[in-house]
């Protein structure tokens, strides 16, 4: 994504890329503390695994897989926000 932003900037567009990598150092799926969900098998009312994960249909018909899998937890959303706020400050906003 940074490369795409750099290429677009070279063409004259004013673009910014916010990289949250440092914020998640040691806190990703296998981190401690983990700020991104790993595989979540407990389904919520909005989960429709047979529709959302078609490639895994044979498995999901037995087990299910939540759309929360590999998405940030509340604390992870804050880490993304920290990265965005730094970028916006660099933009003078």
PDB file of N, CA and C in Angstrom:
ATOM      1  N   UNK A   1       0.831  -1.186   0.000  1.00  0.00           N
ATOM      2  CA  UNK A   1       0.000   0.000   0.000  1.00  0.00           C
ATOM      3  C   UNK A   1       0.879   1.255   0.000  1.00  0.00           C
ATOM      4  N   UNK A   2       1.967   1.203   0.749  1.00  0.00           N
ATOM      5  CA  UNK A   2       2.889   2.345   0.747  1.00  0.00           C
ATOM      6  C   UNK A   2       3.429   2.575  -0.656  1.00  0.00           C
ATOM      7  N   UNK A   3       3.770   1.482  -1.358  1.00  0.00           N
ATOM      8  CA  UNK A   3       4.272   1.591  -2.727  1.00  0.00           C
ATOM      9  C   UNK A   3       3.264   2.237  -3.659  1.00  0.00           C
ATOM     10  N   UNK A   4       2.008   1.883  -3.516  1.00  0.00           N
ATOM     11  CA  UNK A   4       0.956   2.492  -4.344  1.00  0.00           C
ATOM     12  C   UNK A   4       0.838   3.983  -4.058  1.00  0.00           C
ATOM     13  N   UNK A   5       0.902   4.335  -2.783  1.00  0.00           N
ATOM     14  CA  UNK A   5       0.845   5.757  -2.419  1.00  0.00           C
ATOM     15  C   UNK A   5       2.049   6.497  -2.996  1.00  0.00           C
ATOM     16  N   UNK A   6       3.230   5.893  -2.913  1.00  0.00           N
ATOM     17  CA  UNK A   6       4.440   6.517  -3.458  1.00  0.00           C
ATOM     18  C   UNK A   6       4.330   6.709  -4.972  1.00  0.00           C
ATOM     19  N   UNK A   7       3.838   5.675  -5.678  1.00  0.00           N
ATOM     20  CA  UNK A   7       3.676   5.769  -7.129  1.00  0.00           C
ATOM     21  C   UNK A   7       2.684   6.860  -7.504  1.00  0.00           C
ATOM     22  N   UNK A   8       1.603   6.949  -6.767  1.00  0.00           N
ATOM     23  CA  UNK A   8       0.583   7.965  -7.040  1.00  0.00           C
ATOM     24  C   UNK A   8       1.131   9.359  -6.774  1.00  0.00           C
ATOM     25  N   UNK A   9       1.923   9.495  -5.706  1.00  0.00           N
ATOM     26  CA  UNK A   9       2.542  10.779  -5.378  1.00  0.00           C
ATOM     27  C   UNK A   9       3.485  11.218  -6.501  1.00  0.00           C
ATOM     28  N   UNK A  10       4.227  10.269  -7.088  1.00  0.00           N
ATOM     29  CA  UNK A  10       5.147  10.571  -8.191  1.00  0.00           C
ATOM     30  C   UNK A  10       4.406  11.109  -9.411  1.00  0.00           C
ATOM     31  N   UNK A  11       3.132  10.766  -9.518  1.00  0.00           N
ATOM     32  CA  UNK A  11       2.319  11.244 -10.637  1.00  0.00           C
ATOM     33  C   UNK A  11       1.680  12.592 -10.333  1.00  0.00           C
ATOM     34  N   UNK A  12       2.014  13.159  -9.174  1.00  0.00           N
ATOM     35  CA  UNK A  12       1.552  14.500  -8.848  1.00  0.00           C
ATOM     36  C   UNK A  12       0.384  14.594  -7.891  1.00  0.00           C
ATOM     37  N   UNK A  13      -0.158  13.481  -7.463  1.00  0.00           N
ATOM     38  CA  UNK A  13      -1.291  13.522  -6.530  1.00  0.00           C
ATOM     39  C   UNK A  13      -0.776  13.669  -5.105  1.00  0.00           C
ATOM     40  N   UNK A  14      -1.521  14.375  -4.291  1.00  0.00           N
ATOM     41  CA  UNK A  14      -1.179  14.513  -2.880  1.00  0.00           C
ATOM     42  C   UNK A  14      -1.886  13.387  -2.130  1.00  0.00           C
ATOM     43  N   UNK A  15      -1.131  12.362  -1.788  1.00  0.00           N
ATOM     44  CA  UNK A  15      -1.691  11.210  -1.088  1.00  0.00           C
ATOM     45  C   UNK A  15      -0.881  10.934   0.167  1.00  0.00           C
ATOM     46  N   UNK A  16      -1.513  10.256   1.116  1.00  0.00           N
ATOM     47  CA  UNK A  16      -0.864   9.893   2.370  1.00  0.00           C
ATOM     48  C   UNK A  16      -1.128   8.429   2.652  1.00  0.00           C
ATOM     49  N   UNK A  17      -0.190   7.786   3.300  1.00  0.00           N
ATOM     50  CA  UNK A  17      -0.355   6.405   3.720  1.00  0.00           C
ATOM     51  C   UNK A  17      -0.074   6.344   5.206  1.00  0.00           C
ATOM     52  N   UNK A  18      -0.955   5.732   5.952  1.00  0.00           N
ATOM     53  CA  UNK A  18      -0.794   5.592   7.391  1.00  0.00           C
ATOM     54  C   UNK A  18      -0.441   4.142   7.697  1.00  0.00           C
ATOM     55  N   UNK A  19       0.758   3.909   8.177  1.00  0.00           N
ATOM     56  CA  UNK A  19       1.236   2.555   8.431  1.00  0.00           C
ATOM     57  C   UNK A  19       1.140   2.232   9.925  1.00  0.00           C
ATOM     58  N   UNK A  20       0.260   1.297  10.302  1.00  0.00           N
ATOM     59  CA  UNK A  20       0.084   0.951  11.715  1.00  0.00           C
ATOM     60  C   UNK A  20       1.033  -0.145  12.207  1.00  0.00           C
ATOM     61  N   UNK A  21       1.996  -0.558  11.372  1.00  0.00           N
ATOM     62  CA  UNK A  21       2.842  -1.702  11.702  1.00  0.00           C
ATOM     63  C   UNK A  21       3.521  -1.550  13.067  1.00  0.00           C
ATOM     64  N   UNK A  22       4.115  -0.416  13.319  1.00  0.00           N
ATOM     65  CA  UNK A  22       4.815  -0.219  14.601  1.00  0.00           C
ATOM     66  C   UNK A  22       3.852  -0.279  15.785  1.00  0.00           C
ATOM     67  N   UNK A  23       2.637   0.198  15.587  1.00  0.00           N
ATOM     68  CA  UNK A  23       1.645   0.179  16.662  1.00  0.00           C
ATOM     69  C   UNK A  23       1.270  -1.244  17.070  1.00  0.00           C
ATOM     70  N   UNK A  24       1.309  -2.163  16.108  1.00  0.00           N
ATOM     71  CA  UNK A  24       0.908  -3.545  16.361  1.00  0.00           C
ATOM     72  C   UNK A  24       2.084  -4.462  16.684  1.00  0.00           C
ATOM     73  N   UNK A  25       3.282  -3.910  16.772  1.00  0.00           N
ATOM     74  CA  UNK A  25       4.462  -4.728  17.070  1.00  0.00           C
ATOM     75  C   UNK A  25       4.228  -5.528  18.354  1.00  0.00           C
ATOM     76  N   UNK A  26       4.249  -6.845  18.233  1.00  0.00           N
ATOM     77  CA  UNK A  26       4.038  -7.724  19.382  1.00  0.00           C
ATOM     78  C   UNK A  26       2.597  -7.811  19.867  1.00  0.00           C
ATOM     79  N   UNK A  27       1.662  -7.233  19.115  1.00  0.00           N
ATOM     80  CA  UNK A  27       0.263  -7.206  19.557  1.00  0.00           C
ATOM     81  C   UNK A  27      -0.704  -7.740  18.506  1.00  0.00           C
ATOM     82  N   UNK A  28      -0.177  -8.368  17.464  1.00  0.00           N
ATOM     83  CA  UNK A  28      -1.042  -8.885  16.403  1.00  0.00           C
ATOM     84  C   UNK A  28      -1.693 -10.188  16.852  1.00  0.00           C
ATOM     85  N   UNK A  29      -2.086 -11.032  15.933  1.00  0.00           N
ATOM     86  CA  UNK A  29      -2.867 -12.233  16.244  1.00  0.00           C
ATOM     87  C   UNK A  29      -2.207 -13.101  17.315  1.00  0.00           C
ATOM     88  N   UNK A  30      -0.918 -13.290  17.232  1.00  0.00           N
ATOM     89  CA  UNK A  30      -0.225 -14.143  18.217  1.00  0.00           C
ATOM     90  C   UNK A  30       0.516 -13.313  19.267  1.00  0.00           C
ATOM     91  N   UNK A  31       0.219 -12.044  19.356  1.00  0.00           N
ATOM     92  CA  UNK A  31       0.928 -11.162  20.276  1.00  0.00           C
ATOM     93  C   UNK A  31       0.471 -11.292  21.714  1.00  0.00           C
ATOM     94  N   UNK A  32       1.149 -10.537  22.545  1.00  0.00           N
ATOM     95  CA  UNK A  32       0.815 -10.521  23.965  1.00  0.00           C
ATOM     96  C   UNK A  32       0.995  -9.096  24.467  1.00  0.00           C
ATOM     97  N   UNK A  33      -0.065  -8.338  24.612  1.00  0.00           N
ATOM     98  CA  UNK A  33      -1.468  -8.737  24.474  1.00  0.00           C
ATOM     99  C   UNK A  33      -1.907  -8.715  23.011  1.00  0.00           C
ATOM    100  N   UNK A  34      -2.740  -9.650  22.659  1.00  0.00           N
ATOM    101  CA  UNK A  34      -3.279  -9.765  21.310  1.00  0.00           C
ATOM    102  C   UNK A  34      -4.326  -8.674  21.090  1.00  0.00           C
ATOM    103  N   UNK A  35      -4.159  -7.892  20.032  1.00  0.00           N
ATOM    104  CA  UNK A  35      -5.105  -6.812  19.726  1.00  0.00           C
ATOM    105  C   UNK A  35      -5.905  -7.067  18.456  1.00  0.00           C
ATOM    106  N   UNK A  36      -5.654  -8.218  17.823  1.00  0.00           N
ATOM    107  CA  UNK A  36      -6.411  -8.645  16.652  1.00  0.00           C
ATOM    108  C   UNK A  36      -6.916 -10.050  16.933  1.00  0.00           C
ATOM    109  N   UNK A  37      -8.177 -10.285  16.620  1.00  0.00           N
ATOM    110  CA  UNK A  37      -8.743 -11.621  16.806  1.00  0.00           C
ATOM    111  C   UNK A  37      -8.012 -12.625  15.927  1.00  0.00           C
ATOM    112  N   UNK A  38      -7.835 -13.826  16.437  1.00  0.00           N
ATOM    113  CA  UNK A  38      -7.400 -14.946  15.616  1.00  0.00           C
ATOM    114  C   UNK A  38      -8.644 -15.540  14.985  1.00  0.00           C
ATOM    115  N   UNK A  39      -8.701 -16.841  14.886  1.00  0.00           N
ATOM    116  CA  UNK A  39      -9.897 -17.498  14.364  1.00  0.00           C
ATOM    117  C   UNK A  39     -10.970 -17.478  15.447  1.00  0.00           C
ATOM    118  N   UNK A  40     -12.126 -16.946  15.116  1.00  0.00           N
ATOM    119  CA  UNK A  40     -13.252 -16.856  16.045  1.00  0.00           C
ATOM    120  C   UNK A  40     -14.339 -17.803  15.555  1.00  0.00           C
ATOM    121  N   UNK A  41     -14.626 -18.821  16.348  1.00  0.00           N
ATOM    122  CA  UNK A  41     -15.634 -19.817  15.958  1.00  0.00           C
ATOM    123  C   UNK A  41     -17.001 -19.543  16.581  1.00  0.00           C
ATOM    124  N   UNK A  42     -17.061 -18.641  17.551  1.00  0.00           N
ATOM    125  CA  UNK A  42     -18.342 -18.282  18.162  1.00  0.00           C
ATOM    126  C   UNK A  42     -19.036 -17.293  17.241  1.00  0.00           C
ATOM    127  N   UNK A  43     -20.160 -17.682  16.700  1.00  0.00           N
ATOM    128  CA  UNK A  43     -20.863 -16.850  15.735  1.00  0.00           C
ATOM    129  C   UNK A  43     -21.724 -15.795  16.418  1.00  0.00           C
ATOM    130  N   UNK A  44     -21.857 -14.644  15.760  1.00  0.00           N
ATOM    131  CA  UNK A  44     -22.747 -13.584  16.224  1.00  0.00           C
ATOM    132  C   UNK A  44     -24.000 -13.606  15.347  1.00  0.00           C
ATOM    133  N   UNK A  45     -24.994 -12.820  15.701  1.00  0.00           N
ATOM    134  CA  UNK A  45     -26.235 -12.785  14.928  1.00  0.00           C
ATOM    135  C   UNK A  45     -26.007 -12.347  13.486  1.00  0.00           C
ATOM    136  N   UNK A  46     -24.981 -11.531  13.245  1.00  0.00           N
ATOM    137  CA  UNK A  46     -24.740 -11.037  11.886  1.00  0.00           C
ATOM    138  C   UNK A  46     -23.871 -11.974  11.052  1.00  0.00           C
ATOM    139  N   UNK A  47     -23.289 -13.002  11.656  1.00  0.00           N
ATOM    140  CA  UNK A  47     -22.453 -13.936  10.909  1.00  0.00           C
ATOM    141  C   UNK A  47     -23.289 -14.854  10.036  1.00  0.00           C
ATOM    142  N   UNK A  48     -22.873 -14.997   8.803  1.00  0.00           N
ATOM    143  CA  UNK A  48     -23.504 -15.910   7.854  1.00  0.00           C
ATOM    144  C   UNK A  48     -22.370 -16.691   7.183  1.00  0.00           C
ATOM    145  N   UNK A  49     -21.739 -17.611   7.925  1.00  0.00           N
ATOM    146  CA  UNK A  49     -20.524 -18.255   7.423  1.00  0.00           C
ATOM    147  C   UNK A  49     -20.697 -19.033   6.125  1.00  0.00           C
ATOM    148  N   UNK A  50     -21.824 -19.666   5.914  1.00  0.00           N
ATOM    149  CA  UNK A  50     -21.990 -20.420   4.671  1.00  0.00           C
ATOM    150  C   UNK A  50     -22.051 -19.493   3.462  1.00  0.00           C
ATOM    151  N   UNK A  51     -22.464 -18.244   3.676  1.00  0.00           N
ATOM    152  CA  UNK A  51     -22.508 -17.257   2.605  1.00  0.00           C
ATOM    153  C   UNK A  51     -21.184 -16.503   2.518  1.00  0.00           C
ATOM    154  N   UNK A  52     -20.626 -16.093   3.664  1.00  0.00           N
ATOM    155  CA  UNK A  52     -19.442 -15.240   3.694  1.00  0.00           C
ATOM    156  C   UNK A  52     -18.141 -15.973   3.389  1.00  0.00           C
ATOM    157  N   UNK A  53     -18.071 -17.251   3.689  1.00  0.00           N
ATOM    158  CA  UNK A  53     -16.836 -18.027   3.540  1.00  0.00           C
ATOM    159  C   UNK A  53     -17.095 -19.213   2.605  1.00  0.00           C
ATOM    160  N   UNK A  54     -17.557 -18.965   1.400  1.00  0.00           N
ATOM    161  CA  UNK A  54     -17.967 -20.022   0.467  1.00  0.00           C
ATOM    162  C   UNK A  54     -16.892 -21.074   0.244  1.00  0.00           C
ATOM    163  N   UNK A  55     -15.645 -20.657   0.192  1.00  0.00           N
ATOM    164  CA  UNK A  55     -14.566 -21.607  -0.077  1.00  0.00           C
ATOM    165  C   UNK A  55     -14.445 -22.654   1.037  1.00  0.00           C
ATOM    166  N   UNK A  56     -14.917 -22.319   2.221  1.00  0.00           N
ATOM    167  CA  UNK A  56     -14.820 -23.237   3.356  1.00  0.00           C
ATOM    168  C   UNK A  56     -16.139 -23.938   3.670  1.00  0.00           C
ATOM    169  N   UNK A  57     -17.105 -23.904   2.764  1.00  0.00           N
ATOM    170  CA  UNK A  57     -18.433 -24.464   3.028  1.00  0.00           C
ATOM    171  C   UNK A  57     -18.435 -25.856   3.659  1.00  0.00           C
ATOM    172  N   UNK A  58     -17.648 -26.818   3.172  1.00  0.00           N
ATOM    173  CA  UNK A  58     -17.708 -28.150   3.810  1.00  0.00           C
ATOM    174  C   UNK A  58     -17.320 -28.112   5.293  1.00  0.00           C
ATOM    175  N   UNK A  59     -16.363 -27.288   5.623  1.00  0.00           N
ATOM    176  CA  UNK A  59     -15.922 -27.170   7.024  1.00  0.00           C
ATOM    177  C   UNK A  59     -16.955 -26.396   7.837  1.00  0.00           C
ATOM    178  N   UNK A  60     -17.438 -25.302   7.276  1.00  0.00           N
ATOM    179  CA  UNK A  60     -18.341 -24.416   8.006  1.00  0.00           C
ATOM    180  C   UNK A  60     -19.689 -25.047   8.300  1.00  0.00           C
ATOM    181  N   UNK A  61     -20.108 -25.953   7.454  1.00  0.00           N
ATOM    182  CA  UNK A  61     -21.394 -26.587   7.721  1.00  0.00           C
ATOM    183  C   UNK A  61     -21.342 -27.365   9.036  1.00  0.00           C
ATOM    184  N   UNK A  62     -20.131 -27.717   9.496  1.00  0.00           N
ATOM    185  CA  UNK A  62     -19.969 -28.397  10.778  1.00  0.00           C
ATOM    186  C   UNK A  62     -19.581 -27.437  11.899  1.00  0.00           C
ATOM    187  N   UNK A  63     -18.750 -26.437  11.608  1.00  0.00           N
ATOM    188  CA  UNK A  63     -18.143 -25.646  12.680  1.00  0.00           C
ATOM    189  C   UNK A  63     -18.496 -24.157  12.685  1.00  0.00           C
ATOM    190  N   UNK A  64     -18.539 -23.505  11.571  1.00  0.00           N
ATOM    191  CA  UNK A  64     -18.777 -22.072  11.534  1.00  0.00           C
ATOM    192  C   UNK A  64     -17.498 -21.284  11.739  1.00  0.00           C
ATOM    193  N   UNK A  65     -17.499 -20.067  11.260  1.00  0.00           N
ATOM    194  CA  UNK A  65     -16.352 -19.181  11.399  1.00  0.00           C
ATOM    195  C   UNK A  65     -16.885 -17.762  11.393  1.00  0.00           C
ATOM    196  N   UNK A  66     -16.585 -16.995  12.418  1.00  0.00           N
ATOM    197  CA  UNK A  66     -17.121 -15.651  12.557  1.00  0.00           C
ATOM    198  C   UNK A  66     -16.380 -14.659  11.667  1.00  0.00           C
ATOM    199  N   UNK A  67     -17.097 -13.660  11.202  1.00  0.00           N
ATOM    200  CA  UNK A  67     -16.489 -12.569  10.443  1.00  0.00           C
ATOM    201  C   UNK A  67     -15.558 -11.738  11.320  1.00  0.00           C
ATOM    202  N   UNK A  68     -15.605 -11.951  12.633  1.00  0.00           N
ATOM    203  CA  UNK A  68     -14.686 -11.253  13.541  1.00  0.00           C
ATOM    204  C   UNK A  68     -13.252 -11.768  13.400  1.00  0.00           C
ATOM    205  N   UNK A  69     -13.090 -12.953  12.815  1.00  0.00           N
ATOM    206  CA  UNK A  69     -11.762 -13.533  12.663  1.00  0.00           C
ATOM    207  C   UNK A  69     -10.832 -12.566  11.923  1.00  0.00           C
ATOM    208  N   UNK A  70      -9.661 -12.358  12.506  1.00  0.00           N
ATOM    209  CA  UNK A  70      -8.601 -11.524  11.937  1.00  0.00           C
ATOM    210  C   UNK A  70      -8.976 -10.055  11.799  1.00  0.00           C
ATOM    211  N   UNK A  71      -9.958  -9.609  12.559  1.00  0.00           N
ATOM    212  CA  UNK A  71     -10.303  -8.194  12.631  1.00  0.00           C
ATOM    213  C   UNK A  71      -9.874  -7.670  13.997  1.00  0.00           C
ATOM    214  N   UNK A  72      -9.677  -6.365  14.114  1.00  0.00           N
ATOM    215  CA  UNK A  72      -9.182  -5.825  15.382  1.00  0.00           C
ATOM    216  C   UNK A  72     -10.193  -5.935  16.518  1.00  0.00           C
ATOM    217  N   UNK A  73      -9.645  -6.121  17.697  1.00  0.00           N
ATOM    218  CA  UNK A  73     -10.448  -6.003  18.916  1.00  0.00           C
ATOM    219  C   UNK A  73     -10.590  -4.509  19.190  1.00  0.00           C
ATOM    220  N   UNK A  74     -11.312  -4.133  20.228  1.00  0.00           N
ATOM    221  CA  UNK A  74     -11.492  -2.715  20.558  1.00  0.00           C
ATOM    222  C   UNK A  74     -10.134  -2.032  20.711  1.00  0.00           C
ATOM    223  N   UNK A  75      -9.215  -2.676  21.422  1.00  0.00           N
ATOM    224  CA  UNK A  75      -7.889  -2.100  21.635  1.00  0.00           C
ATOM    225  C   UNK A  75      -7.119  -1.975  20.321  1.00  0.00           C
ATOM    226  N   UNK A  76      -7.358  -2.910  19.391  1.00  0.00           N
ATOM    227  CA  UNK A  76      -6.724  -2.850  18.079  1.00  0.00           C
ATOM    228  C   UNK A  76      -7.249  -1.692  17.251  1.00  0.00           C
ATOM    229  N   UNK A  77      -8.537  -1.416  17.372  1.00  0.00           N
ATOM    230  CA  UNK A  77      -9.114  -0.265  16.671  1.00  0.00           C
ATOM    231  C   UNK A  77      -8.439   1.024  17.153  1.00  0.00           C
ATOM    232  N   UNK A  78      -8.119   1.073  18.442  1.00  0.00           N
ATOM    233  CA  UNK A  78      -7.425   2.238  18.989  1.00  0.00           C
ATOM    234  C   UNK A  78      -6.023   2.363  18.381  1.00  0.00           C
ATOM    235  N   UNK A  79      -5.357   1.233  18.176  1.00  0.00           N
ATOM    236  CA  UNK A  79      -4.025   1.268  17.577  1.00  0.00           C
ATOM    237  C   UNK A  79      -4.079   1.783  16.143  1.00  0.00           C
ATOM    238  N   UNK A  80      -5.101   1.351  15.390  1.00  0.00           N
ATOM    239  CA  UNK A  80      -5.280   1.899  14.035  1.00  0.00           C
ATOM    240  C   UNK A  80      -5.537   3.404  14.108  1.00  0.00           C
ATOM    241  N   UNK A  81      -6.344   3.822  15.065  1.00  0.00           N
ATOM    242  CA  UNK A  81      -6.647   5.244  15.222  1.00  0.00           C
ATOM    243  C   UNK A  81      -5.384   6.035  15.562  1.00  0.00           C
ATOM    244  N   UNK A  82      -4.507   5.469  16.395  1.00  0.00           N
ATOM    245  CA  UNK A  82      -3.249   6.151  16.726  1.00  0.00           C
ATOM    246  C   UNK A  82      -2.431   6.413  15.466  1.00  0.00           C
ATOM    247  N   UNK A  83      -2.339   5.416  14.597  1.00  0.00           N
ATOM    248  CA  UNK A  83      -1.588   5.565  13.351  1.00  0.00           C
ATOM    249  C   UNK A  83      -2.220   6.653  12.472  1.00  0.00           C
ATOM    250  N   UNK A  84      -3.532   6.628  12.365  1.00  0.00           N
ATOM    251  CA  UNK A  84      -4.226   7.619  11.553  1.00  0.00           C
ATOM    252  C   UNK A  84      -4.044   9.026  12.125  1.00  0.00           C
ATOM    253  N   UNK A  85      -4.119   9.167  13.437  1.00  0.00           N
ATOM    254  CA  UNK A  85      -3.944  10.478  14.063  1.00  0.00           C
ATOM    255  C   UNK A  85      -2.540  11.023  13.823  1.00  0.00           C
ATOM    256  N   UNK A  86      -1.523  10.156  13.864  1.00  0.00           N
ATOM    257  CA  UNK A  86      -0.145  10.601  13.567  1.00  0.00           C
ATOM    258  C   UNK A  86      -0.046  11.100  12.133  1.00  0.00           C
ATOM    259  N   UNK A  87      -0.650  10.341  11.216  1.00  0.00           N
ATOM    260  CA  UNK A  87      -0.615  10.746   9.810  1.00  0.00           C
ATOM    261  C   UNK A  87      -1.320  12.069   9.606  1.00  0.00           C
ATOM    262  N   UNK A  88      -2.477  12.220  10.235  1.00  0.00           N
ATOM    263  CA  UNK A  88      -3.223  13.470  10.096  1.00  0.00           C
ATOM    264  C   UNK A  88      -2.455  14.642  10.687  1.00  0.00           C
ATOM    265  N   UNK A  89      -1.757  14.416  11.789  1.00  0.00           N
ATOM    266  CA  UNK A  89      -0.938  15.479  12.383  1.00  0.00           C
ATOM    267  C   UNK A  89       0.176  15.864  11.418  1.00  0.00           C
ATOM    268  N   UNK A  90       0.752  14.869  10.739  1.00  0.00           N
ATOM    269  CA  UNK A  90       1.785  15.145   9.747  1.00  0.00           C
ATOM    270  C   UNK A  90       1.254  15.919   8.558  1.00  0.00           C
ATOM    271  N   UNK A  91      -0.035  15.816   8.317  1.00  0.00           N
ATOM    272  CA  UNK A  91      -0.695  16.554   7.236  1.00  0.00           C
ATOM    273  C   UNK A  91      -1.072  17.963   7.681  1.00  0.00           C
ATOM    274  N   UNK A  92      -0.870  18.245   8.966  1.00  0.00           N
ATOM    275  CA  UNK A  92      -1.248  19.553   9.496  1.00  0.00           C
ATOM    276  C   UNK A  92      -2.719  19.638   9.862  1.00  0.00           C
ATOM    277  N   UNK A  93      -3.364  18.509  10.027  1.00  0.00           N
ATOM    278  CA  UNK A  93      -4.786  18.522  10.386  1.00  0.00           C
ATOM    279  C   UNK A  93      -4.987  18.356  11.875  1.00  0.00           C
TER     280      UNK A  93
END
